[in-house]
């Protein structure tokens, strides 16, 4: 009968983990925030067109989110359903902060965007942004838990 032994140095693993965590601000956080932002934008547009469709006259509300994605440099934003009626300045994306404090802000400048999202006395709220953010939160929590479990398992459950 043959066998083998695997020896793992937790000190070396901890050094490697520390090195990985030092890379997070520059190499992981910025692209992760951009990806999450793109996913939220895609969910907002899907909500506008499929899940809770709006009464569409011009498509500018939807196009405002597409314009935000394009202004933020998100490559896939061009494939978001938009409208030829979109006007310059309908939407923008603002990045700020550095490292673990890096954030993105999506702004739909179409004058009636808040009314479509929150509703009026005569129109039910679209809740497109609220739904998309709730879905993103669930995804982020799941990924965080998976990462936490992987690190815990690597340290023998400690």
Protein backbone atom coordinates (compact mmCIF):
# COMPACT_ATOMS: atom_id res chain seq x y z
CA UNK A 1 0.00 0.00 0.00
CA UNK A 2 1.39 3.36 -0.92
CA UNK A 3 0.44 6.72 0.47
CA UNK A 4 1.45 10.31 0.48
CA UNK A 5 1.62 13.22 2.86
CA UNK A 6 0.69 16.80 2.13
CA UNK A 7 2.18 19.44 4.36
CA UNK A 8 0.75 22.94 4.25
CA UNK A 9 2.46 25.83 5.93
CA UNK A 10 -0.21 28.15 7.31
CA UNK A 11 2.45 30.82 7.72
CA UNK A 12 3.18 30.73 4.01
CA UNK A 13 -0.54 30.68 3.23
CA UNK A 14 -1.12 33.70 5.47
CA UNK A 15 1.73 35.56 3.72
CA UNK A 16 0.18 34.74 0.34
CA UNK A 17 -3.25 35.80 1.57
CA UNK A 18 -1.87 39.09 2.89
CA UNK A 19 -0.21 39.70 -0.48
CA UNK A 20 -3.51 38.94 -2.23
CA UNK A 21 -5.43 41.34 0.02
CA UNK A 22 -2.91 44.08 -0.70
CA UNK A 23 -3.68 43.64 -4.41
CA UNK A 24 -7.43 44.01 -3.92
CA UNK A 25 -7.64 47.79 -4.17
CA UNK A 26 -5.81 48.08 -7.46
CA UNK A 27 -6.56 44.80 -9.17
CA UNK A 28 -9.93 43.60 -7.96
CA UNK A 29 -12.13 46.31 -6.47
CA UNK A 30 -12.36 48.67 -9.46
CA UNK A 31 -13.31 45.97 -12.02
CA UNK A 32 -15.64 44.30 -9.51
CA UNK A 33 -17.50 47.57 -8.87
CA UNK A 34 -17.75 48.20 -12.60
CA UNK A 35 -19.11 44.69 -13.22
CA UNK A 36 -21.68 45.01 -10.45
CA UNK A 37 -22.70 48.40 -11.85
CA UNK A 38 -23.12 46.92 -15.33
CA UNK A 39 -25.18 44.03 -13.92
CA UNK A 40 -27.44 46.49 -12.08
CA UNK A 41 -27.84 48.60 -15.24
CA UNK A 42 -28.76 45.51 -17.26
CA UNK A 43 -31.31 44.50 -14.59
CA UNK A 44 -32.81 48.01 -14.59
CA UNK A 45 -33.23 47.96 -18.37
CA UNK A 46 -34.63 44.40 -18.24
CA UNK A 47 -37.10 45.60 -15.62
CA UNK A 48 -38.16 48.53 -17.77
CA UNK A 49 -38.67 46.40 -20.86
CA UNK A 50 -39.74 42.99 -19.51
CA UNK A 51 -40.44 42.64 -15.78
CA UNK A 52 -42.46 45.82 -15.16
CA UNK A 53 -42.78 47.48 -18.56
CA UNK A 54 -43.36 51.19 -18.71
CA UNK A 55 -45.74 52.94 -21.04
CA UNK A 56 -43.22 53.95 -23.66
CA UNK A 57 -43.63 57.14 -25.63
CA UNK A 58 -40.04 57.92 -26.58
CA UNK A 59 -37.80 55.41 -24.78
CA UNK A 60 -35.76 58.20 -23.19
CA UNK A 61 -36.14 56.84 -19.64
CA UNK A 62 -34.58 53.52 -20.70
CA UNK A 63 -32.05 55.31 -22.88
CA UNK A 64 -30.93 57.42 -19.90
CA UNK A 65 -29.54 54.27 -18.28
CA UNK A 66 -27.89 53.22 -21.54
CA UNK A 67 -26.28 56.67 -21.78
CA UNK A 68 -25.04 56.29 -18.19
CA UNK A 69 -23.38 52.99 -19.06
CA UNK A 70 -21.74 54.44 -22.13
CA UNK A 71 -20.48 57.48 -20.23
CA UNK A 72 -19.00 55.15 -17.61
CA UNK A 73 -17.03 53.27 -20.24
CA UNK A 74 -18.88 49.99 -19.79
CA UNK A 75 -18.22 48.04 -22.97
CA UNK A 76 -21.52 46.14 -22.99
CA UNK A 77 -23.62 49.27 -22.56
CA UNK A 78 -23.99 49.65 -26.30
CA UNK A 79 -25.97 46.39 -26.35
CA UNK A 80 -28.45 47.59 -23.72
CA UNK A 81 -31.78 48.27 -25.39
CA UNK A 82 -31.76 51.99 -25.98
CA UNK A 83 -33.58 54.46 -28.11
CA UNK A 84 -32.58 56.69 -30.98
CA UNK A 85 -34.47 59.43 -29.14
CA UNK A 86 -31.86 59.52 -26.38
CA UNK A 87 -30.36 62.96 -26.00
CA UNK A 88 -26.91 64.02 -24.91
CA UNK A 89 -26.83 64.27 -21.15
CA UNK A 90 -29.70 61.82 -20.53
CA UNK A 91 -27.50 59.78 -18.21
CA UNK A 92 -24.05 59.59 -16.70
CA UNK A 93 -21.88 57.44 -14.51
CA UNK A 94 -19.50 58.92 -11.98
CA UNK A 95 -16.64 56.97 -10.43
CA UNK A 96 -15.05 58.17 -7.22
CA UNK A 97 -12.76 57.02 -4.45
CA UNK A 98 -9.79 54.70 -4.46
CA UNK A 99 -9.01 51.19 -3.28
CA UNK A 100 -11.69 49.63 -1.12
CA UNK A 101 -13.60 52.95 -1.18
CA UNK A 102 -14.06 52.94 -4.99
CA UNK A 103 -17.70 53.60 -5.91
CA UNK A 104 -19.84 54.23 -8.94
CA UNK A 105 -22.93 56.38 -9.21
CA UNK A 106 -25.45 55.97 -12.02
CA UNK A 107 -27.60 58.99 -12.80
CA UNK A 108 -30.57 59.09 -15.15
CA UNK A 109 -31.08 62.78 -15.98
CA UNK A 110 -34.36 62.30 -17.85
CA UNK A 111 -36.66 64.77 -16.11
CA UNK A 112 -39.39 62.22 -15.29
CA UNK A 113 -37.11 59.33 -14.22
CA UNK A 114 -37.92 59.72 -10.50
CA UNK A 115 -41.64 59.75 -11.28
CA UNK A 116 -41.39 56.47 -13.22
CA UNK A 117 -39.31 54.86 -10.48
CA UNK A 118 -41.35 56.07 -7.48
CA UNK A 119 -44.78 56.49 -9.05
CA UNK A 120 -47.34 59.25 -8.74
CA UNK A 121 -50.93 59.50 -7.56
CA UNK A 122 -51.99 58.19 -10.97
CA UNK A 123 -49.16 55.81 -11.80
CA UNK A 124 -47.83 52.83 -9.87
CA UNK A 125 -44.10 52.92 -9.09
CA UNK A 126 -41.87 51.08 -11.54
CA UNK A 127 -39.35 50.15 -8.81
CA UNK A 128 -36.87 49.25 -11.55
CA UNK A 129 -33.85 50.52 -9.62
CA UNK A 130 -35.05 49.11 -6.29
CA UNK A 131 -35.51 45.63 -7.81
CA UNK A 132 -32.12 45.69 -9.53
CA UNK A 133 -30.33 46.80 -6.35
CA UNK A 134 -32.08 44.10 -4.30
CA UNK A 135 -30.95 41.44 -6.79
CA UNK A 136 -27.39 42.79 -6.71
CA UNK A 137 -27.35 42.69 -2.91
CA UNK A 138 -28.36 39.02 -2.92
CA UNK A 139 -25.59 38.24 -5.44
CA UNK A 140 -22.97 40.17 -3.47
CA UNK A 141 -23.94 38.45 -0.18
CA UNK A 142 -23.72 35.02 -1.86
CA UNK A 143 -20.27 35.72 -3.32
CA UNK A 144 -19.05 37.14 -0.01
CA UNK A 145 -20.25 34.06 1.89
CA UNK A 146 -18.60 31.77 -0.67
CA UNK A 147 -15.31 33.66 -0.31
CA UNK A 148 -15.57 33.62 3.50
CA UNK A 149 -16.22 29.86 3.49
CA UNK A 150 -13.28 29.25 1.15
CA UNK A 151 -10.93 31.20 3.41
CA UNK A 152 -12.31 29.47 6.50
CA UNK A 153 -11.87 26.04 4.91
CA UNK A 154 -8.31 26.94 3.90
CA UNK A 155 -7.52 27.71 7.55
CA UNK A 156 -9.11 24.48 8.77
CA UNK A 157 -12.46 25.98 9.76
CA UNK A 158 -10.98 28.60 12.07
